[in-house]
N, C-alpha and C. Protein backbone atom coordinates (compact mmCIF):
# COMPACT_ATOMS: atom_id res chain seq x y z
N MET A 1 -16.63 -10.09 2.51
CA MET A 1 -15.32 -10.64 2.34
C MET A 1 -15.31 -11.38 1.15
N ASN A 2 -14.36 -11.07 0.38
CA ASN A 2 -14.07 -11.92 -1.15
C ASN A 2 -13.10 -12.86 -0.98
N SER A 3 -12.97 -13.95 -1.29
CA SER A 3 -12.12 -15.05 -1.37
C SER A 3 -11.19 -15.07 -2.44
N GLU A 4 -11.49 -14.22 -3.59
CA GLU A 4 -10.79 -14.30 -4.73
C GLU A 4 -9.39 -13.83 -4.37
N LYS A 5 -8.50 -14.56 -5.12
CA LYS A 5 -7.08 -14.47 -5.10
C LYS A 5 -6.77 -13.38 -6.22
N LEU A 6 -5.92 -12.38 -5.84
CA LEU A 6 -5.67 -11.36 -6.85
C LEU A 6 -4.23 -11.93 -7.48
N GLN A 7 -4.36 -11.43 -8.78
CA GLN A 7 -3.01 -11.61 -9.70
C GLN A 7 -2.25 -10.31 -9.39
N MET A 8 -1.05 -10.60 -9.01
CA MET A 8 0.14 -9.76 -8.86
C MET A 8 0.76 -9.39 -10.09
N THR A 9 0.78 -8.08 -10.46
CA THR A 9 1.71 -7.73 -11.71
C THR A 9 2.35 -6.40 -11.52
N LYS A 10 3.30 -6.26 -12.63
CA LYS A 10 3.96 -4.84 -12.33
C LYS A 10 3.04 -3.72 -12.56
N MET A 11 3.47 -2.67 -11.82
CA MET A 11 2.69 -1.40 -11.76
C MET A 11 3.04 -0.74 -13.29
N THR A 12 2.00 -0.54 -13.99
CA THR A 12 2.29 0.28 -15.22
C THR A 12 1.78 1.86 -15.08
N GLU A 13 2.15 2.47 -16.05
CA GLU A 13 1.70 3.91 -16.18
C GLU A 13 0.22 3.95 -15.96
N GLU A 14 -0.40 3.27 -16.94
CA GLU A 14 -1.82 3.10 -16.88
C GLU A 14 -2.56 2.95 -15.63
N TYR A 15 -1.96 2.03 -14.81
CA TYR A 15 -2.43 1.67 -13.48
C TYR A 15 -2.09 2.97 -12.55
N ALA A 16 -1.03 3.36 -12.76
CA ALA A 16 -0.72 4.56 -11.79
C ALA A 16 -1.63 5.91 -12.05
N VAL A 17 -1.96 6.00 -13.33
CA VAL A 17 -2.82 7.23 -13.73
C VAL A 17 -4.24 6.78 -12.96
N GLU A 18 -4.85 5.58 -13.20
CA GLU A 18 -6.10 5.00 -12.66
C GLU A 18 -6.18 5.41 -11.16
N ILE A 19 -4.92 4.93 -10.41
CA ILE A 19 -4.93 5.17 -8.86
C ILE A 19 -4.99 6.66 -8.41
N SER A 20 -4.62 7.61 -9.46
CA SER A 20 -4.46 8.89 -9.22
C SER A 20 -6.03 9.44 -9.27
N THR A 21 -6.94 8.68 -9.78
CA THR A 21 -8.32 9.11 -9.78
C THR A 21 -8.99 8.63 -8.70
N TRP A 22 -8.42 7.64 -7.90
CA TRP A 22 -9.34 7.03 -6.65
C TRP A 22 -9.54 8.17 -5.78
N LYS A 23 -10.83 8.19 -5.32
CA LYS A 23 -11.39 9.23 -4.33
C LYS A 23 -11.76 8.39 -3.25
N TYR A 24 -11.65 8.59 -1.88
CA TYR A 24 -12.06 8.22 -0.62
C TYR A 24 -12.83 9.23 -0.15
N GLU A 25 -13.70 8.79 0.54
CA GLU A 25 -14.69 9.47 1.47
C GLU A 25 -14.36 9.76 2.68
N ASP A 26 -15.03 10.99 3.44
CA ASP A 26 -14.91 11.04 4.95
C ASP A 26 -13.46 11.27 5.36
N GLU A 27 -13.31 10.53 6.37
CA GLU A 27 -11.84 10.85 7.01
C GLU A 27 -11.06 10.04 6.07
N TYR A 28 -11.28 9.28 5.26
CA TYR A 28 -10.35 8.59 4.35
C TYR A 28 -9.77 9.53 3.12
N LYS A 29 -10.46 10.78 3.04
CA LYS A 29 -10.05 11.58 2.10
C LYS A 29 -8.50 12.08 2.21
N ILE A 30 -8.20 11.88 3.26
CA ILE A 30 -6.51 12.29 3.41
C ILE A 30 -5.57 11.29 2.73
N TYR A 31 -6.31 10.05 2.19
CA TYR A 31 -5.52 9.21 1.21
C TYR A 31 -5.59 9.47 -0.15
N ASN A 32 -6.56 10.62 -0.34
CA ASN A 32 -6.51 11.07 -1.96
C ASN A 32 -5.37 11.50 -2.53
N MET A 33 -4.98 11.13 -3.77
CA MET A 33 -3.68 11.77 -4.30
C MET A 33 -3.98 12.78 -5.24
N PRO A 34 -3.04 13.46 -5.37
CA PRO A 34 -3.24 14.58 -6.49
C PRO A 34 -3.56 14.19 -7.87
N THR A 35 -3.80 15.01 -8.91
CA THR A 35 -3.97 14.49 -10.33
C THR A 35 -2.82 13.87 -10.74
N TRP A 36 -2.77 13.30 -11.84
CA TRP A 36 -1.66 12.68 -12.55
C TRP A 36 -0.81 13.77 -12.84
N GLU A 37 -1.21 14.63 -13.39
CA GLU A 37 -0.36 15.78 -14.06
C GLU A 37 0.44 16.51 -12.86
N GLU A 38 -0.18 16.66 -11.59
CA GLU A 38 0.46 17.06 -10.22
C GLU A 38 1.37 15.99 -9.98
N MET A 39 1.19 14.80 -9.96
CA MET A 39 2.10 13.93 -9.56
C MET A 39 3.40 13.94 -10.18
N VAL A 40 3.24 14.04 -11.79
CA VAL A 40 4.29 14.27 -12.48
C VAL A 40 5.15 15.41 -12.30
N GLU A 41 4.44 16.35 -12.09
CA GLU A 41 5.14 17.84 -11.85
C GLU A 41 5.89 17.81 -10.64
N ASP A 42 5.25 17.28 -9.44
CA ASP A 42 5.90 17.38 -8.19
C ASP A 42 6.93 16.06 -8.08
N GLU A 43 7.04 15.29 -9.09
CA GLU A 43 7.83 14.22 -9.02
C GLU A 43 7.59 13.06 -8.02
N TRP A 44 6.43 12.67 -7.96
CA TRP A 44 6.17 11.53 -6.83
C TRP A 44 6.70 10.22 -7.55
N ALA A 45 6.89 9.39 -6.53
CA ALA A 45 7.53 8.04 -6.81
C ALA A 45 6.47 7.38 -7.77
N LEU A 46 5.36 7.38 -7.62
CA LEU A 46 4.43 6.69 -8.62
C LEU A 46 4.43 7.17 -9.97
N ALA A 47 4.95 8.24 -10.18
CA ALA A 47 4.98 8.93 -11.61
C ALA A 47 6.28 8.79 -12.26
N ASP A 48 7.11 8.25 -11.47
CA ASP A 48 8.59 7.94 -11.92
C ASP A 48 8.70 6.47 -12.52
N GLU A 49 9.07 6.55 -13.70
CA GLU A 49 9.19 4.88 -14.25
C GLU A 49 9.86 4.14 -13.76
N GLY A 50 10.99 4.51 -13.22
CA GLY A 50 12.08 3.66 -12.60
C GLY A 50 11.54 3.30 -11.28
N LYS A 51 11.12 4.23 -10.24
CA LYS A 51 10.61 3.72 -9.06
C LYS A 51 9.38 2.92 -9.08
N ARG A 52 8.46 3.23 -10.21
CA ARG A 52 7.19 2.58 -10.32
C ARG A 52 7.53 1.12 -10.60
N GLY A 53 8.65 0.77 -11.46
CA GLY A 53 8.96 -0.45 -11.78
C GLY A 53 9.70 -1.34 -10.67
N SER A 54 10.51 -0.39 -9.78
CA SER A 54 11.16 -1.20 -8.74
C SER A 54 10.40 -1.41 -7.39
N ASP A 55 9.74 -0.29 -7.09
CA ASP A 55 8.83 -0.34 -5.93
C ASP A 55 7.44 -0.45 -5.72
N TYR A 56 6.79 -0.64 -6.84
CA TYR A 56 5.42 -0.93 -6.81
C TYR A 56 5.03 -2.16 -7.47
N LEU A 57 3.75 -2.58 -6.87
CA LEU A 57 3.18 -3.97 -7.42
C LEU A 57 1.66 -3.67 -7.73
N ALA A 58 1.16 -4.12 -8.76
CA ALA A 58 -0.51 -3.85 -8.83
C ALA A 58 -0.98 -5.21 -8.63
N PHE A 59 -2.29 -5.09 -8.35
CA PHE A 59 -3.08 -6.35 -7.95
C PHE A 59 -4.58 -6.27 -8.74
N LEU A 60 -4.83 -7.37 -9.57
CA LEU A 60 -5.86 -7.41 -10.28
C LEU A 60 -6.79 -8.39 -10.03
N THR A 61 -7.97 -8.23 -10.23
CA THR A 61 -9.16 -9.41 -9.93
C THR A 61 -8.94 -10.33 -11.27
N ALA A 62 -9.79 -11.16 -10.98
CA ALA A 62 -10.04 -12.25 -12.27
C ALA A 62 -10.43 -11.58 -13.56
N GLY A 63 -11.22 -10.72 -13.30
CA GLY A 63 -11.72 -9.77 -14.31
C GLY A 63 -11.12 -8.65 -14.96
N GLY A 64 -9.69 -8.51 -14.32
CA GLY A 64 -8.92 -7.57 -14.75
C GLY A 64 -8.91 -6.22 -14.23
N LYS A 65 -9.65 -6.02 -13.19
CA LYS A 65 -10.02 -4.71 -12.55
C LYS A 65 -8.74 -4.53 -11.52
N LEU A 66 -8.42 -3.38 -11.36
CA LEU A 66 -7.21 -3.05 -10.53
C LEU A 66 -7.79 -2.88 -9.22
N ALA A 67 -7.51 -3.68 -8.23
CA ALA A 67 -8.22 -3.76 -6.92
C ALA A 67 -7.38 -3.14 -5.83
N ALA A 68 -6.06 -3.35 -6.10
CA ALA A 68 -5.01 -2.62 -4.99
C ALA A 68 -3.73 -2.47 -5.74
N PHE A 69 -2.87 -1.82 -4.75
CA PHE A 69 -1.51 -1.82 -5.13
C PHE A 69 -0.63 -1.85 -3.82
N THR A 70 0.61 -1.97 -4.07
CA THR A 70 1.53 -1.90 -2.74
C THR A 70 2.81 -1.22 -3.20
N ARG A 71 3.47 -0.72 -2.29
CA ARG A 71 4.91 -0.01 -2.45
C ARG A 71 5.74 -0.57 -1.43
N HIS A 72 6.76 -0.90 -1.81
CA HIS A 72 7.86 -1.48 -0.87
C HIS A 72 9.07 -0.87 -1.03
N THR A 73 9.78 -0.14 -0.09
CA THR A 73 11.00 0.66 -0.25
C THR A 73 11.97 0.01 0.79
N ALA A 74 13.31 -0.09 0.41
CA ALA A 74 14.22 -0.46 1.20
C ALA A 74 14.46 0.71 2.23
N GLN A 75 14.56 0.44 3.48
CA GLN A 75 14.60 1.37 4.69
C GLN A 75 14.88 0.73 5.99
N ASP A 76 16.12 1.22 6.43
CA ASP A 76 16.57 0.63 7.74
C ASP A 76 16.82 -0.80 7.65
N GLY A 77 17.47 -1.27 6.63
CA GLY A 77 17.68 -2.73 6.56
C GLY A 77 16.60 -3.71 6.36
N GLY A 78 15.51 -3.13 6.12
CA GLY A 78 14.39 -3.84 5.76
C GLY A 78 13.51 -3.38 4.74
N PHE A 79 12.19 -3.49 4.64
CA PHE A 79 11.23 -2.99 3.71
C PHE A 79 10.22 -2.23 4.37
N MET A 80 9.85 -1.02 3.96
CA MET A 80 8.85 -0.17 4.50
C MET A 80 7.68 -0.54 3.40
N LEU A 81 6.57 -1.01 3.87
CA LEU A 81 5.23 -1.53 2.97
C LEU A 81 4.19 -0.42 3.01
N GLY A 82 3.69 0.04 1.87
CA GLY A 82 2.44 0.64 1.98
C GLY A 82 1.46 0.15 1.12
N VAL A 83 0.29 0.21 1.15
CA VAL A 83 -0.94 -0.48 0.53
C VAL A 83 -1.96 0.43 0.09
N GLY A 84 -2.41 0.70 -1.07
CA GLY A 84 -3.68 1.37 -1.27
C GLY A 84 -4.72 0.33 -1.92
N VAL A 85 -5.98 0.53 -1.70
CA VAL A 85 -7.16 -0.41 -2.16
C VAL A 85 -8.12 0.54 -2.86
N ASN A 86 -8.64 0.02 -4.13
CA ASN A 86 -9.48 0.91 -4.96
C ASN A 86 -10.71 1.26 -3.88
N PRO A 87 -11.20 2.36 -3.90
CA PRO A 87 -12.36 2.64 -3.06
C PRO A 87 -13.46 1.79 -3.48
N ASP A 88 -13.71 1.33 -4.59
CA ASP A 88 -14.83 0.51 -4.92
C ASP A 88 -14.65 -0.86 -4.60
N SER A 89 -13.50 -1.07 -4.02
CA SER A 89 -13.26 -2.57 -3.37
C SER A 89 -12.70 -2.46 -2.06
N LEU A 90 -13.11 -1.64 -1.13
CA LEU A 90 -12.82 -1.66 0.34
C LEU A 90 -13.76 -2.80 0.88
N SER A 91 -13.23 -3.12 2.03
CA SER A 91 -13.70 -4.26 2.76
C SER A 91 -14.18 -5.63 2.23
N LEU A 92 -13.27 -5.78 1.01
CA LEU A 92 -13.57 -7.27 0.27
C LEU A 92 -12.29 -7.95 0.74
N GLY A 93 -11.55 -7.86 1.45
CA GLY A 93 -10.39 -8.42 1.58
C GLY A 93 -9.07 -8.38 0.87
N TYR A 94 -9.12 -7.45 -0.23
CA TYR A 94 -8.34 -7.30 -1.07
C TYR A 94 -6.88 -6.74 -0.60
N GLY A 95 -7.22 -5.76 0.39
CA GLY A 95 -6.02 -5.27 0.98
C GLY A 95 -4.96 -6.15 1.72
N SER A 96 -5.58 -7.06 2.41
CA SER A 96 -4.98 -8.19 3.20
C SER A 96 -4.25 -9.01 2.19
N GLU A 97 -5.08 -9.40 1.07
CA GLU A 97 -4.46 -10.32 -0.13
C GLU A 97 -3.31 -9.53 -0.50
N ALA A 98 -3.34 -8.44 -0.93
CA ALA A 98 -2.24 -7.78 -1.53
C ALA A 98 -1.05 -7.74 -0.79
N ILE A 99 -1.44 -7.52 0.64
CA ILE A 99 -0.21 -7.51 1.56
C ILE A 99 0.28 -8.80 1.69
N ARG A 100 -0.31 -9.89 1.77
CA ARG A 100 0.05 -11.42 2.00
C ARG A 100 1.09 -11.51 0.81
N GLN A 101 0.57 -11.33 -0.51
CA GLN A 101 1.42 -11.50 -1.60
C GLN A 101 2.74 -10.64 -1.74
N THR A 102 2.64 -9.50 -1.26
CA THR A 102 3.68 -8.57 -1.35
C THR A 102 5.02 -9.16 -0.20
N VAL A 103 4.48 -9.40 0.88
CA VAL A 103 5.35 -9.89 1.93
C VAL A 103 5.94 -11.23 1.41
N ALA A 104 5.23 -12.14 0.68
CA ALA A 104 5.67 -13.36 0.28
C ALA A 104 6.90 -12.91 -0.74
N TYR A 105 6.50 -12.18 -1.68
CA TYR A 105 7.41 -11.61 -2.69
C TYR A 105 8.72 -11.11 -1.95
N LEU A 106 8.52 -10.27 -0.73
CA LEU A 106 9.80 -9.60 -0.36
C LEU A 106 10.56 -10.66 0.49
N VAL A 107 9.84 -11.65 1.18
CA VAL A 107 10.61 -12.62 1.83
C VAL A 107 11.47 -13.69 0.87
N ASP A 108 10.93 -13.72 -0.18
CA ASP A 108 11.66 -14.53 -1.31
C ASP A 108 12.79 -13.64 -1.73
N LEU A 109 12.67 -12.29 -1.83
CA LEU A 109 13.74 -11.50 -2.40
C LEU A 109 14.86 -11.21 -1.47
N ASN A 110 14.44 -11.19 -0.05
CA ASN A 110 15.47 -10.98 1.03
C ASN A 110 14.96 -11.70 2.27
N PRO A 111 15.08 -12.92 2.46
CA PRO A 111 14.84 -13.70 3.56
C PRO A 111 15.32 -13.07 4.87
N GLY A 112 14.51 -13.02 5.79
CA GLY A 112 15.08 -12.43 7.03
C GLY A 112 14.97 -10.85 7.26
N ALA A 113 14.72 -10.35 6.05
CA ALA A 113 14.52 -8.77 6.20
C ALA A 113 13.47 -8.43 7.04
N ASP A 114 13.32 -7.27 7.69
CA ASP A 114 12.53 -6.57 8.46
C ASP A 114 11.49 -6.05 7.53
N ILE A 115 10.14 -6.39 7.72
CA ILE A 115 8.99 -5.86 6.76
C ILE A 115 8.17 -5.16 7.76
N PHE A 116 7.93 -3.94 7.58
CA PHE A 116 7.14 -2.96 8.34
C PHE A 116 6.49 -1.93 7.47
N LEU A 117 5.63 -1.28 8.44
CA LEU A 117 4.54 -0.26 7.82
C LEU A 117 4.11 0.66 8.99
N ASP A 118 3.78 1.69 8.48
CA ASP A 118 3.03 2.81 9.28
C ASP A 118 1.61 3.00 8.88
N VAL A 119 0.73 2.82 9.81
CA VAL A 119 -0.72 3.28 9.69
C VAL A 119 -1.28 4.29 10.74
N ARG A 120 -2.18 5.06 10.27
CA ARG A 120 -2.58 6.14 11.07
C ARG A 120 -3.39 5.51 12.45
N ILE A 121 -3.12 5.89 13.54
CA ILE A 121 -3.90 5.29 14.44
C ILE A 121 -5.45 5.09 14.31
N TRP A 122 -5.97 5.97 13.95
CA TRP A 122 -7.35 6.12 13.69
C TRP A 122 -7.85 5.08 12.68
N ASN A 123 -7.24 4.70 11.89
CA ASN A 123 -7.51 3.86 10.78
C ASN A 123 -7.65 2.22 10.91
N LYS A 124 -8.63 2.17 11.84
CA LYS A 124 -9.00 0.91 12.35
C LYS A 124 -9.31 -0.29 11.14
N ARG A 125 -9.83 0.04 10.14
CA ARG A 125 -10.13 -0.68 8.91
C ARG A 125 -8.63 -1.34 8.58
N ALA A 126 -7.71 -0.41 8.48
CA ALA A 126 -6.32 -0.89 7.79
C ALA A 126 -5.58 -1.55 8.89
N VAL A 127 -5.92 -1.15 10.16
CA VAL A 127 -5.08 -1.98 11.25
C VAL A 127 -5.50 -3.28 11.27
N LYS A 128 -6.89 -3.64 11.04
CA LYS A 128 -7.41 -4.89 11.22
C LYS A 128 -6.91 -5.63 10.01
N SER A 129 -6.80 -5.19 8.94
CA SER A 129 -6.25 -5.75 7.62
C SER A 129 -5.00 -6.14 7.92
N TYR A 130 -4.06 -5.27 8.23
CA TYR A 130 -2.61 -5.56 8.48
C TYR A 130 -2.25 -6.75 9.60
N GLU A 131 -3.17 -6.74 10.63
CA GLU A 131 -3.22 -7.85 11.47
C GLU A 131 -3.55 -9.06 10.72
N LYS A 132 -4.62 -9.04 10.04
CA LYS A 132 -4.81 -10.37 9.33
C LYS A 132 -3.93 -11.04 8.41
N ALA A 133 -3.12 -9.85 8.01
CA ALA A 133 -1.76 -10.37 7.10
C ALA A 133 -0.67 -10.57 7.82
N GLY A 134 -0.85 -10.87 9.07
CA GLY A 134 0.41 -11.11 9.84
C GLY A 134 1.26 -10.04 10.62
N PHE A 135 1.03 -8.85 10.70
CA PHE A 135 1.68 -7.69 11.23
C PHE A 135 0.94 -7.54 12.73
N ALA A 136 2.00 -6.88 13.54
CA ALA A 136 1.54 -6.78 14.89
C ALA A 136 2.14 -5.07 15.26
N ILE A 137 1.36 -4.62 16.04
CA ILE A 137 1.72 -3.25 16.42
C ILE A 137 3.29 -3.24 17.24
N ARG A 138 4.18 -2.44 16.80
CA ARG A 138 5.62 -2.40 17.59
C ARG A 138 5.69 -1.14 18.32
N GLU A 139 5.21 -0.18 17.77
CA GLU A 139 5.32 1.24 18.53
C GLU A 139 4.36 2.20 18.06
N THR A 140 4.25 3.35 18.68
CA THR A 140 3.33 4.59 18.19
C THR A 140 4.32 5.73 18.26
N ILE A 141 4.38 6.21 16.77
CA ILE A 141 5.38 7.49 16.41
C ILE A 141 4.42 8.54 16.04
N GLU A 142 4.89 9.67 15.96
CA GLU A 142 4.48 10.80 15.08
C GLU A 142 5.49 11.18 13.98
N GLN A 143 4.64 11.43 12.83
CA GLN A 143 5.57 11.87 11.74
C GLN A 143 4.72 13.01 10.89
N GLU A 144 5.41 13.65 10.18
CA GLU A 144 5.11 14.69 9.15
C GLU A 144 4.72 13.82 7.69
N THR A 145 3.58 13.99 7.13
CA THR A 145 3.38 13.58 5.74
C THR A 145 3.01 14.69 4.86
N HIS A 146 2.59 14.37 3.75
CA HIS A 146 2.22 15.29 2.72
C HIS A 146 0.93 15.85 3.19
N ALA A 147 0.25 15.15 3.93
CA ALA A 147 -1.15 15.56 4.40
C ALA A 147 -1.06 16.14 5.83
N GLY A 148 0.11 16.33 6.29
CA GLY A 148 0.32 16.85 7.55
C GLY A 148 0.61 15.89 8.65
N LYS A 149 0.97 16.48 9.98
CA LYS A 149 1.45 15.67 11.05
C LYS A 149 0.69 14.68 11.43
N GLY A 150 0.80 13.50 11.88
CA GLY A 150 -0.06 12.45 12.50
C GLY A 150 0.47 11.54 13.25
N ARG A 151 -0.24 10.68 13.90
CA ARG A 151 0.12 9.85 14.76
C ARG A 151 0.04 8.34 14.15
N PHE A 152 0.86 7.50 14.31
CA PHE A 152 0.77 6.28 13.50
C PHE A 152 1.32 5.11 14.30
N TYR A 153 0.77 3.91 14.08
CA TYR A 153 1.29 2.69 14.50
C TYR A 153 2.28 2.34 13.53
N ARG A 154 3.47 1.93 14.18
CA ARG A 154 4.59 1.11 13.34
C ARG A 154 4.34 -0.45 13.62
N MET A 155 3.91 -1.17 12.37
CA MET A 155 3.71 -2.40 12.54
C MET A 155 4.66 -3.09 11.86
N SER A 156 5.08 -4.42 12.35
CA SER A 156 6.08 -5.32 11.81
C SER A 156 5.43 -6.38 11.46
N TYR A 157 6.12 -7.19 10.45
CA TYR A 157 5.32 -8.57 10.07
C TYR A 157 5.93 -9.57 11.03
N MET A 158 5.16 -10.23 11.37
CA MET A 158 5.75 -11.31 12.53
C MET A 158 6.01 -12.66 11.63
N LYS A 159 7.12 -12.98 11.36
CA LYS A 159 7.53 -14.23 10.58
C LYS A 159 6.93 -15.40 11.30
């Protein structure tokens, strides 16, 4: 566990391109993104300058390394939250820190709004990180993603 506080900053194209190169191993391969060129061609939100500027935040270490990112999209009267952590920075507490800072940002932006996320049931590492950041499991859902159908916990931020 690392106690370093991350610096929240805007998501740049440079950071987005770097994120497209992150590669996870084993069962986490499901979170690997396509190449930057494929993301641009397929019009992924991360490759869209407008959405990148409004929906994404980047989180840097004191040394300037991109440690994590979050995406927040308006949905169902609240915000759907997503997070990605640099594979070289897993299990250091950066995911929880990025989530905490993003939640604080969203609460300032829209006090009282529901903040929620979906996490694959088998991803115990992420569930633990979200619980540390103040989220609790609300329900179990099934949904289709770019990686196929899956079972997810819908978790809500407990104010």
